[in-house]
């Protein structure tokens, strides 16, 4: 294995972790923070949905409210502008 092969491999690994975050105007660390926030919020909403399925009078608007809130967060500012530039098909892969 040559130094060139090692360099190419290292660049592919770096690109793997930075290409998508850069496409939405974020560093890897910023993207990790934002995506983790979304995961936590969606997990909580999922729990509310599960409870609602069993006890229909509880959490009647929690999931829909959370979806609207997260959509607003995802489409505002630089992140929203970056997503509009790539188009709807690319956004659904995020």
PDB file of N, CA and C in Angstrom:
ATOM      1  N   UNK A   1       0.860  -1.176   0.000  1.00  0.00           N
ATOM      2  CA  UNK A   1       0.000   0.000   0.000  1.00  0.00           C
ATOM      3  C   UNK A   1       0.904   1.237   0.000  1.00  0.00           C
ATOM      4  N   UNK A   2       0.677   2.115  -0.949  1.00  0.00           N
ATOM      5  CA  UNK A   2       1.520   3.300  -1.078  1.00  0.00           C
ATOM      6  C   UNK A   2       0.967   4.449  -0.233  1.00  0.00           C
ATOM      7  N   UNK A   3       1.784   5.480  -0.080  1.00  0.00           N
ATOM      8  CA  UNK A   3       1.349   6.679   0.647  1.00  0.00           C
ATOM      9  C   UNK A   3       0.165   7.324  -0.066  1.00  0.00           C
ATOM     10  N   UNK A   4       0.171   7.242  -1.378  1.00  0.00           N
ATOM     11  CA  UNK A   4      -0.933   7.812  -2.165  1.00  0.00           C
ATOM     12  C   UNK A   4      -2.250   7.087  -1.854  1.00  0.00           C
ATOM     13  N   UNK A   5      -2.191   5.769  -1.735  1.00  0.00           N
ATOM     14  CA  UNK A   5      -3.385   4.989  -1.394  1.00  0.00           C
ATOM     15  C   UNK A   5      -3.903   5.371  -0.009  1.00  0.00           C
ATOM     16  N   UNK A   6      -2.984   5.534   0.919  1.00  0.00           N
ATOM     17  CA  UNK A   6      -3.358   5.923   2.281  1.00  0.00           C
ATOM     18  C   UNK A   6      -3.985   7.310   2.279  1.00  0.00           C
ATOM     19  N   UNK A   7      -3.384   8.232   1.540  1.00  0.00           N
ATOM     20  CA  UNK A   7      -3.922   9.589   1.440  1.00  0.00           C
ATOM     21  C   UNK A   7      -5.327   9.570   0.836  1.00  0.00           C
ATOM     22  N   UNK A   8      -5.493   8.832  -0.266  1.00  0.00           N
ATOM     23  CA  UNK A   8      -6.802   8.740  -0.928  1.00  0.00           C
ATOM     24  C   UNK A   8      -7.850   8.160   0.008  1.00  0.00           C
ATOM     25  N   UNK A   9      -7.478   7.130   0.743  1.00  0.00           N
ATOM     26  CA  UNK A   9      -8.402   6.525   1.698  1.00  0.00           C
ATOM     27  C   UNK A   9      -8.793   7.535   2.781  1.00  0.00           C
ATOM     28  N   UNK A  10      -7.811   8.235   3.311  1.00  0.00           N
ATOM     29  CA  UNK A  10      -8.086   9.237   4.353  1.00  0.00           C
ATOM     30  C   UNK A  10      -9.009  10.340   3.840  1.00  0.00           C
ATOM     31  N   UNK A  11      -8.818  10.763   2.601  1.00  0.00           N
ATOM     32  CA  UNK A  11      -9.671  11.807   2.030  1.00  0.00           C
ATOM     33  C   UNK A  11     -11.100  11.290   1.832  1.00  0.00           C
ATOM     34  N   UNK A  12     -11.248  10.030   1.411  1.00  0.00           N
ATOM     35  CA  UNK A  12     -12.586   9.457   1.250  1.00  0.00           C
ATOM     36  C   UNK A  12     -13.310   9.375   2.592  1.00  0.00           C
ATOM     37  N   UNK A  13     -12.586   9.011   3.636  1.00  0.00           N
ATOM     38  CA  UNK A  13     -13.188   8.945   4.974  1.00  0.00           C
ATOM     39  C   UNK A  13     -13.595  10.345   5.417  1.00  0.00           C
ATOM     40  N   UNK A  14     -12.714  11.324   5.231  1.00  0.00           N
ATOM     41  CA  UNK A  14     -13.019  12.705   5.608  1.00  0.00           C
ATOM     42  C   UNK A  14     -14.250  13.195   4.847  1.00  0.00           C
ATOM     43  N   UNK A  15     -14.292  12.959   3.545  1.00  0.00           N
ATOM     44  CA  UNK A  15     -15.430  13.384   2.733  1.00  0.00           C
ATOM     45  C   UNK A  15     -16.727  12.710   3.191  1.00  0.00           C
ATOM     46  N   UNK A  16     -16.633  11.448   3.585  1.00  0.00           N
ATOM     47  CA  UNK A  16     -17.815  10.723   4.035  1.00  0.00           C
ATOM     48  C   UNK A  16     -18.474  11.433   5.214  1.00  0.00           C
ATOM     49  N   UNK A  17     -17.661  11.952   6.120  1.00  0.00           N
ATOM     50  CA  UNK A  17     -18.185  12.594   7.323  1.00  0.00           C
ATOM     51  C   UNK A  17     -18.457  14.091   7.170  1.00  0.00           C
ATOM     52  N   UNK A  18     -17.976  14.709   6.109  1.00  0.00           N
ATOM     53  CA  UNK A  18     -18.131  16.160   5.988  1.00  0.00           C
ATOM     54  C   UNK A  18     -18.959  16.616   4.788  1.00  0.00           C
ATOM     55  N   UNK A  19     -19.138  15.775   3.792  1.00  0.00           N
ATOM     56  CA  UNK A  19     -19.829  16.200   2.573  1.00  0.00           C
ATOM     57  C   UNK A  19     -21.278  16.622   2.845  1.00  0.00           C
ATOM     58  N   UNK A  20     -22.063  15.769   3.475  1.00  0.00           N
ATOM     59  CA  UNK A  20     -23.456  16.127   3.744  1.00  0.00           C
ATOM     60  C   UNK A  20     -23.572  17.304   4.708  1.00  0.00           C
ATOM     61  N   UNK A  21     -22.867  17.318   5.843  1.00  0.00           N
ATOM     62  CA  UNK A  21     -22.976  18.496   6.713  1.00  0.00           C
ATOM     63  C   UNK A  21     -22.648  19.794   5.978  1.00  0.00           C
ATOM     64  N   UNK A  22     -21.640  19.776   5.145  1.00  0.00           N
ATOM     65  CA  UNK A  22     -21.276  20.982   4.392  1.00  0.00           C
ATOM     66  C   UNK A  22     -22.390  21.381   3.434  1.00  0.00           C
ATOM     67  N   UNK A  23     -23.129  20.404   2.909  1.00  0.00           N
ATOM     68  CA  UNK A  23     -24.197  20.717   1.959  1.00  0.00           C
ATOM     69  C   UNK A  23     -25.348  21.472   2.614  1.00  0.00           C
ATOM     70  N   UNK A  24     -25.469  21.390   3.937  1.00  0.00           N
ATOM     71  CA  UNK A  24     -26.500  22.142   4.654  1.00  0.00           C
ATOM     72  C   UNK A  24     -25.882  23.271   5.478  1.00  0.00           C
ATOM     73  N   UNK A  25     -24.629  23.624   5.159  1.00  0.00           N
ATOM     74  CA  UNK A  25     -23.983  24.772   5.793  1.00  0.00           C
ATOM     75  C   UNK A  25     -23.519  24.537   7.219  1.00  0.00           C
ATOM     76  N   UNK A  26     -23.155  23.301   7.548  1.00  0.00           N
ATOM     77  CA  UNK A  26     -22.730  22.984   8.906  1.00  0.00           C
ATOM     78  C   UNK A  26     -21.406  22.239   8.904  1.00  0.00           C
ATOM     79  N   UNK A  27     -20.710  22.325  10.025  1.00  0.00           N
ATOM     80  CA  UNK A  27     -19.551  21.476  10.236  1.00  0.00           C
ATOM     81  C   UNK A  27     -20.051  20.117  10.701  1.00  0.00           C
ATOM     82  N   UNK A  28     -19.152  19.151  10.799  1.00  0.00           N
ATOM     83  CA  UNK A  28     -19.550  17.832  11.295  1.00  0.00           C
ATOM     84  C   UNK A  28     -20.113  17.944  12.709  1.00  0.00           C
ATOM     85  N   UNK A  29     -19.446  18.703  13.571  1.00  0.00           N
ATOM     86  CA  UNK A  29     -19.902  18.868  14.955  1.00  0.00           C
ATOM     87  C   UNK A  29     -21.262  19.542  15.048  1.00  0.00           C
ATOM     88  N   UNK A  30     -21.465  20.579  14.245  1.00  0.00           N
ATOM     89  CA  UNK A  30     -22.769  21.254  14.240  1.00  0.00           C
ATOM     90  C   UNK A  30     -23.866  20.304  13.766  1.00  0.00           C
ATOM     91  N   UNK A  31     -23.558  19.546  12.716  1.00  0.00           N
ATOM     92  CA  UNK A  31     -24.538  18.602  12.185  1.00  0.00           C
ATOM     93  C   UNK A  31     -24.852  17.513  13.214  1.00  0.00           C
ATOM     94  N   UNK A  32     -23.842  17.049  13.914  1.00  0.00           N
ATOM     95  CA  UNK A  32     -24.051  16.049  14.962  1.00  0.00           C
ATOM     96  C   UNK A  32     -24.992  16.587  16.031  1.00  0.00           C
ATOM     97  N   UNK A  33     -24.783  17.835  16.436  1.00  0.00           N
ATOM     98  CA  UNK A  33     -25.631  18.448  17.463  1.00  0.00           C
ATOM     99  C   UNK A  33     -27.069  18.599  16.966  1.00  0.00           C
ATOM    100  N   UNK A  34     -27.237  19.116  15.767  1.00  0.00           N
ATOM    101  CA  UNK A  34     -28.584  19.335  15.221  1.00  0.00           C
ATOM    102  C   UNK A  34     -29.302  18.000  15.009  1.00  0.00           C
ATOM    103  N   UNK A  35     -28.627  17.032  14.395  1.00  0.00           N
ATOM    104  CA  UNK A  35     -29.255  15.739  14.131  1.00  0.00           C
ATOM    105  C   UNK A  35     -29.597  15.016  15.436  1.00  0.00           C
ATOM    106  N   UNK A  36     -28.743  15.149  16.437  1.00  0.00           N
ATOM    107  CA  UNK A  36     -29.027  14.530  17.741  1.00  0.00           C
ATOM    108  C   UNK A  36     -30.241  15.173  18.389  1.00  0.00           C
ATOM    109  N   UNK A  37     -30.364  16.485  18.253  1.00  0.00           N
ATOM    110  CA  UNK A  37     -31.535  17.197  18.772  1.00  0.00           C
ATOM    111  C   UNK A  37     -32.804  16.667  18.107  1.00  0.00           C
ATOM    112  N   UNK A  38     -32.768  16.532  16.782  1.00  0.00           N
ATOM    113  CA  UNK A  38     -33.930  16.028  16.058  1.00  0.00           C
ATOM    114  C   UNK A  38     -34.251  14.599  16.493  1.00  0.00           C
ATOM    115  N   UNK A  39     -33.240  13.768  16.655  1.00  0.00           N
ATOM    116  CA  UNK A  39     -33.462  12.383  17.071  1.00  0.00           C
ATOM    117  C   UNK A  39     -34.131  12.327  18.438  1.00  0.00           C
ATOM    118  N   UNK A  40     -33.655  13.153  19.372  1.00  0.00           N
ATOM    119  CA  UNK A  40     -34.239  13.179  20.716  1.00  0.00           C
ATOM    120  C   UNK A  40     -35.696  13.620  20.666  1.00  0.00           C
ATOM    121  N   UNK A  41     -35.966  14.690  19.941  1.00  0.00           N
ATOM    122  CA  UNK A  41     -37.329  15.203  19.843  1.00  0.00           C
ATOM    123  C   UNK A  41     -38.265  14.198  19.181  1.00  0.00           C
ATOM    124  N   UNK A  42     -37.783  13.522  18.142  1.00  0.00           N
ATOM    125  CA  UNK A  42     -38.606  12.535  17.463  1.00  0.00           C
ATOM    126  C   UNK A  42     -38.841  11.307  18.348  1.00  0.00           C
ATOM    127  N   UNK A  43     -37.851  10.948  19.140  1.00  0.00           N
ATOM    128  CA  UNK A  43     -38.019   9.833  20.066  1.00  0.00           C
ATOM    129  C   UNK A  43     -39.096  10.149  21.102  1.00  0.00           C
ATOM    130  N   UNK A  44     -39.065  11.363  21.637  1.00  0.00           N
ATOM    131  CA  UNK A  44     -40.083  11.774  22.599  1.00  0.00           C
ATOM    132  C   UNK A  44     -41.469  11.794  21.953  1.00  0.00           C
ATOM    133  N   UNK A  45     -41.556  12.311  20.729  1.00  0.00           N
ATOM    134  CA  UNK A  45     -42.843  12.333  20.027  1.00  0.00           C
ATOM    135  C   UNK A  45     -43.324  10.910  19.742  1.00  0.00           C
ATOM    136  N   UNK A  46     -42.404  10.027  19.419  1.00  0.00           N
ATOM    137  CA  UNK A  46     -42.753   8.634  19.174  1.00  0.00           C
ATOM    138  C   UNK A  46     -43.325   7.993  20.436  1.00  0.00           C
ATOM    139  N   UNK A  47     -42.717   8.278  21.573  1.00  0.00           N
ATOM    140  CA  UNK A  47     -43.227   7.772  22.845  1.00  0.00           C
ATOM    141  C   UNK A  47     -44.645   8.297  23.090  1.00  0.00           C
ATOM    142  N   UNK A  48     -44.853   9.589  22.835  1.00  0.00           N
ATOM    143  CA  UNK A  48     -46.186  10.176  23.013  1.00  0.00           C
ATOM    144  C   UNK A  48     -47.192   9.497  22.093  1.00  0.00           C
ATOM    145  N   UNK A  49     -46.794   9.184  20.863  1.00  0.00           N
ATOM    146  CA  UNK A  49     -47.690   8.485  19.921  1.00  0.00           C
ATOM    147  C   UNK A  49     -48.048   7.092  20.430  1.00  0.00           C
ATOM    148  N   UNK A  50     -47.064   6.395  20.977  1.00  0.00           N
ATOM    149  CA  UNK A  50     -47.318   5.046  21.493  1.00  0.00           C
ATOM    150  C   UNK A  50     -48.300   5.092  22.656  1.00  0.00           C
ATOM    151  N   UNK A  51     -48.110   6.057  23.556  1.00  0.00           N
ATOM    152  CA  UNK A  51     -49.040   6.207  24.674  1.00  0.00           C
ATOM    153  C   UNK A  51     -50.426   6.572  24.143  1.00  0.00           C
ATOM    154  N   UNK A  52     -50.469   7.484  23.190  1.00  0.00           N
ATOM    155  CA  UNK A  52     -51.735   7.918  22.597  1.00  0.00           C
ATOM    156  C   UNK A  52     -52.477   6.745  21.941  1.00  0.00           C
ATOM    157  N   UNK A  53     -51.740   5.821  21.346  1.00  0.00           N
ATOM    158  CA  UNK A  53     -52.369   4.661  20.700  1.00  0.00           C
ATOM    159  C   UNK A  53     -53.146   3.822  21.711  1.00  0.00           C
ATOM    160  N   UNK A  54     -52.602   3.731  22.922  1.00  0.00           N
ATOM    161  CA  UNK A  54     -53.241   2.921  23.958  1.00  0.00           C
ATOM    162  C   UNK A  54     -54.277   3.735  24.736  1.00  0.00           C
ATOM    163  N   UNK A  55     -53.952   4.988  25.003  1.00  0.00           N
ATOM    164  CA  UNK A  55     -54.822   5.882  25.781  1.00  0.00           C
ATOM    165  C   UNK A  55     -55.136   7.119  24.927  1.00  0.00           C
ATOM    166  N   UNK A  56     -56.154   7.034  24.082  1.00  0.00           N
ATOM    167  CA  UNK A  56     -56.436   8.067  23.080  1.00  0.00           C
ATOM    168  C   UNK A  56     -56.654   9.484  23.618  1.00  0.00           C
ATOM    169  N   UNK A  57     -57.025   9.628  24.867  1.00  0.00           N
ATOM    170  CA  UNK A  57     -57.240  10.974  25.399  1.00  0.00           C
ATOM    171  C   UNK A  57     -55.952  11.655  25.846  1.00  0.00           C
ATOM    172  N   UNK A  58     -54.842  10.926  25.824  1.00  0.00           N
ATOM    173  CA  UNK A  58     -53.553  11.520  26.200  1.00  0.00           C
ATOM    174  C   UNK A  58     -52.753  11.871  24.947  1.00  0.00           C
ATOM    175  N   UNK A  59     -52.008  12.957  25.027  1.00  0.00           N
ATOM    176  CA  UNK A  59     -51.104  13.396  23.953  1.00  0.00           C
ATOM    177  C   UNK A  59     -51.825  13.514  22.599  1.00  0.00           C
ATOM    178  N   UNK A  60     -52.975  14.150  22.609  1.00  0.00           N
ATOM    179  CA  UNK A  60     -53.793  14.229  21.385  1.00  0.00           C
ATOM    180  C   UNK A  60     -53.177  15.108  20.298  1.00  0.00           C
ATOM    181  N   UNK A  61     -52.342  16.055  20.662  1.00  0.00           N
ATOM    182  CA  UNK A  61     -51.743  16.935  19.641  1.00  0.00           C
ATOM    183  C   UNK A  61     -50.217  16.953  19.693  1.00  0.00           C
ATOM    184  N   UNK A  62     -49.636  16.143  20.542  1.00  0.00           N
ATOM    185  CA  UNK A  62     -48.183  16.186  20.756  1.00  0.00           C
ATOM    186  C   UNK A  62     -47.398  15.907  19.474  1.00  0.00           C
ATOM    187  N   UNK A  63     -47.700  14.823  18.796  1.00  0.00           N
ATOM    188  CA  UNK A  63     -46.926  14.445  17.608  1.00  0.00           C
ATOM    189  C   UNK A  63     -47.069  15.468  16.495  1.00  0.00           C
ATOM    190  N   UNK A  64     -48.289  15.899  16.201  1.00  0.00           N
ATOM    191  CA  UNK A  64     -48.473  16.867  15.114  1.00  0.00           C
ATOM    192  C   UNK A  64     -47.798  18.193  15.446  1.00  0.00           C
ATOM    193  N   UNK A  65     -47.866  18.602  16.701  1.00  0.00           N
ATOM    194  CA  UNK A  65     -47.185  19.844  17.107  1.00  0.00           C
ATOM    195  C   UNK A  65     -45.675  19.709  16.945  1.00  0.00           C
ATOM    196  N   UNK A  66     -45.139  18.551  17.330  1.00  0.00           N
ATOM    197  CA  UNK A  66     -43.694  18.321  17.234  1.00  0.00           C
ATOM    198  C   UNK A  66     -43.250  18.297  15.779  1.00  0.00           C
ATOM    199  N   UNK A  67     -44.033  17.669  14.908  1.00  0.00           N
ATOM    200  CA  UNK A  67     -43.690  17.634  13.480  1.00  0.00           C
ATOM    201  C   UNK A  67     -43.642  19.050  12.921  1.00  0.00           C
ATOM    202  N   UNK A  68     -44.631  19.877  13.254  1.00  0.00           N
ATOM    203  CA  UNK A  68     -44.628  21.275  12.772  1.00  0.00           C
ATOM    204  C   UNK A  68     -43.414  22.033  13.311  1.00  0.00           C
ATOM    205  N   UNK A  69     -43.100  21.834  14.589  1.00  0.00           N
ATOM    206  CA  UNK A  69     -41.951  22.519  15.191  1.00  0.00           C
ATOM    207  C   UNK A  69     -40.645  22.105  14.512  1.00  0.00           C
ATOM    208  N   UNK A  70     -40.450  20.808  14.322  1.00  0.00           N
ATOM    209  CA  UNK A  70     -39.209  20.325  13.711  1.00  0.00           C
ATOM    210  C   UNK A  70     -39.113  20.753  12.248  1.00  0.00           C
ATOM    211  N   UNK A  71     -40.224  20.766  11.547  1.00  0.00           N
ATOM    212  CA  UNK A  71     -40.209  21.243  10.160  1.00  0.00           C
ATOM    213  C   UNK A  71     -39.777  22.704  10.112  1.00  0.00           C
ATOM    214  N   UNK A  72     -40.303  23.499  11.023  1.00  0.00           N
ATOM    215  CA  UNK A  72     -39.929  24.908  11.086  1.00  0.00           C
ATOM    216  C   UNK A  72     -38.438  25.066  11.368  1.00  0.00           C
ATOM    217  N   UNK A  73     -37.932  24.292  12.312  1.00  0.00           N
ATOM    218  CA  UNK A  73     -36.501  24.360  12.637  1.00  0.00           C
ATOM    219  C   UNK A  73     -35.645  23.939  11.449  1.00  0.00           C
ATOM    220  N   UNK A  74     -36.092  22.912  10.736  1.00  0.00           N
ATOM    221  CA  UNK A  74     -35.279  22.381   9.648  1.00  0.00           C
ATOM    222  C   UNK A  74     -35.264  23.299   8.436  1.00  0.00           C
ATOM    223  N   UNK A  75     -36.308  24.069   8.243  1.00  0.00           N
ATOM    224  CA  UNK A  75     -36.395  24.875   7.028  1.00  0.00           C
ATOM    225  C   UNK A  75     -36.081  26.347   7.238  1.00  0.00           C
ATOM    226  N   UNK A  76     -35.634  26.735   8.414  1.00  0.00           N
ATOM    227  CA  UNK A  76     -35.303  28.146   8.642  1.00  0.00           C
ATOM    228  C   UNK A  76     -33.803  28.379   8.460  1.00  0.00           C
ATOM    229  N   UNK A  77     -33.439  29.599   8.169  1.00  0.00           N
ATOM    230  CA  UNK A  77     -32.042  30.004   8.097  1.00  0.00           C
ATOM    231  C   UNK A  77     -31.255  29.324   7.008  1.00  0.00           C
ATOM    232  N   UNK A  78     -29.948  29.180   7.251  1.00  0.00           N
ATOM    233  CA  UNK A  78     -29.034  28.631   6.250  1.00  0.00           C
ATOM    234  C   UNK A  78     -29.374  27.191   5.898  1.00  0.00           C
ATOM    235  N   UNK A  79     -29.827  26.421   6.875  1.00  0.00           N
ATOM    236  CA  UNK A  79     -30.184  25.022   6.627  1.00  0.00           C
ATOM    237  C   UNK A  79     -31.330  24.944   5.616  1.00  0.00           C
ATOM    238  N   UNK A  80     -32.344  25.759   5.783  1.00  0.00           N
ATOM    239  CA  UNK A  80     -33.471  25.774   4.859  1.00  0.00           C
ATOM    240  C   UNK A  80     -33.069  26.227   3.473  1.00  0.00           C
ATOM    241  N   UNK A  81     -32.229  27.231   3.407  1.00  0.00           N
ATOM    242  CA  UNK A  81     -31.753  27.726   2.110  1.00  0.00           C
ATOM    243  C   UNK A  81     -30.953  26.650   1.390  1.00  0.00           C
ATOM    244  N   UNK A  82     -30.094  25.947   2.125  1.00  0.00           N
ATOM    245  CA  UNK A  82     -29.284  24.888   1.521  1.00  0.00           C
ATOM    246  C   UNK A  82     -30.173  23.767   1.007  1.00  0.00           C
ATOM    247  N   UNK A  83     -31.229  23.441   1.732  1.00  0.00           N
ATOM    248  CA  UNK A  83     -32.127  22.370   1.303  1.00  0.00           C
ATOM    249  C   UNK A  83     -32.915  22.770   0.066  1.00  0.00           C
ATOM    250  N   UNK A  84     -33.278  24.035  -0.050  1.00  0.00           N
ATOM    251  CA  UNK A  84     -34.002  24.489  -1.237  1.00  0.00           C
ATOM    252  C   UNK A  84     -33.120  24.409  -2.472  1.00  0.00           C
ATOM    253  N   UNK A  85     -31.806  24.637  -2.295  1.00  0.00           N
ATOM    254  CA  UNK A  85     -30.882  24.595  -3.416  1.00  0.00           C
ATOM    255  C   UNK A  85     -30.716  23.185  -3.962  1.00  0.00           C
ATOM    256  N   UNK A  86     -30.718  22.172  -3.074  1.00  0.00           N
ATOM    257  CA  UNK A  86     -30.534  20.809  -3.531  1.00  0.00           C
ATOM    258  C   UNK A  86     -31.817  20.169  -4.024  1.00  0.00           C
ATOM    259  N   UNK A  87     -32.946  20.670  -3.611  1.00  0.00           N
ATOM    260  CA  UNK A  87     -34.223  20.167  -4.084  1.00  0.00           C
ATOM    261  C   UNK A  87     -34.833  19.128  -3.166  1.00  0.00           C
ATOM    262  N   UNK A  88     -36.105  18.843  -3.379  1.00  0.00           N
ATOM    263  CA  UNK A  88     -36.841  17.939  -2.487  1.00  0.00           C
ATOM    264  C   UNK A  88     -36.329  16.510  -2.466  1.00  0.00           C
ATOM    265  N   UNK A  89     -35.852  15.978  -3.582  1.00  0.00           N
ATOM    266  CA  UNK A  89     -35.391  14.591  -3.601  1.00  0.00           C
ATOM    267  C   UNK A  89     -34.179  14.406  -2.694  1.00  0.00           C
ATOM    268  N   UNK A  90     -33.239  15.341  -2.729  1.00  0.00           N
ATOM    269  CA  UNK A  90     -32.056  15.232  -1.887  1.00  0.00           C
ATOM    270  C   UNK A  90     -32.387  15.442  -0.431  1.00  0.00           C
ATOM    271  N   UNK A  91     -33.338  16.298  -0.123  1.00  0.00           N
ATOM    272  CA  UNK A  91     -33.710  16.579   1.268  1.00  0.00           C
ATOM    273  C   UNK A  91     -34.294  15.336   1.922  1.00  0.00           C
ATOM    274  N   UNK A  92     -35.066  14.556   1.200  1.00  0.00           N
ATOM    275  CA  UNK A  92     -35.699  13.381   1.804  1.00  0.00           C
ATOM    276  C   UNK A  92     -34.684  12.336   2.220  1.00  0.00           C
ATOM    277  N   UNK A  93     -33.465  12.386   1.688  1.00  0.00           N
ATOM    278  CA  UNK A  93     -32.418  11.443   2.060  1.00  0.00           C
ATOM    279  C   UNK A  93     -31.737  11.841   3.361  1.00  0.00           C
ATOM    280  N   UNK A  94     -31.921  13.073   3.840  1.00  0.00           N
ATOM    281  CA  UNK A  94     -31.219  13.570   5.021  1.00  0.00           C
ATOM    282  C   UNK A  94     -31.592  12.860   6.274  1.00  0.00           C
TER     283      UNK A  94
END
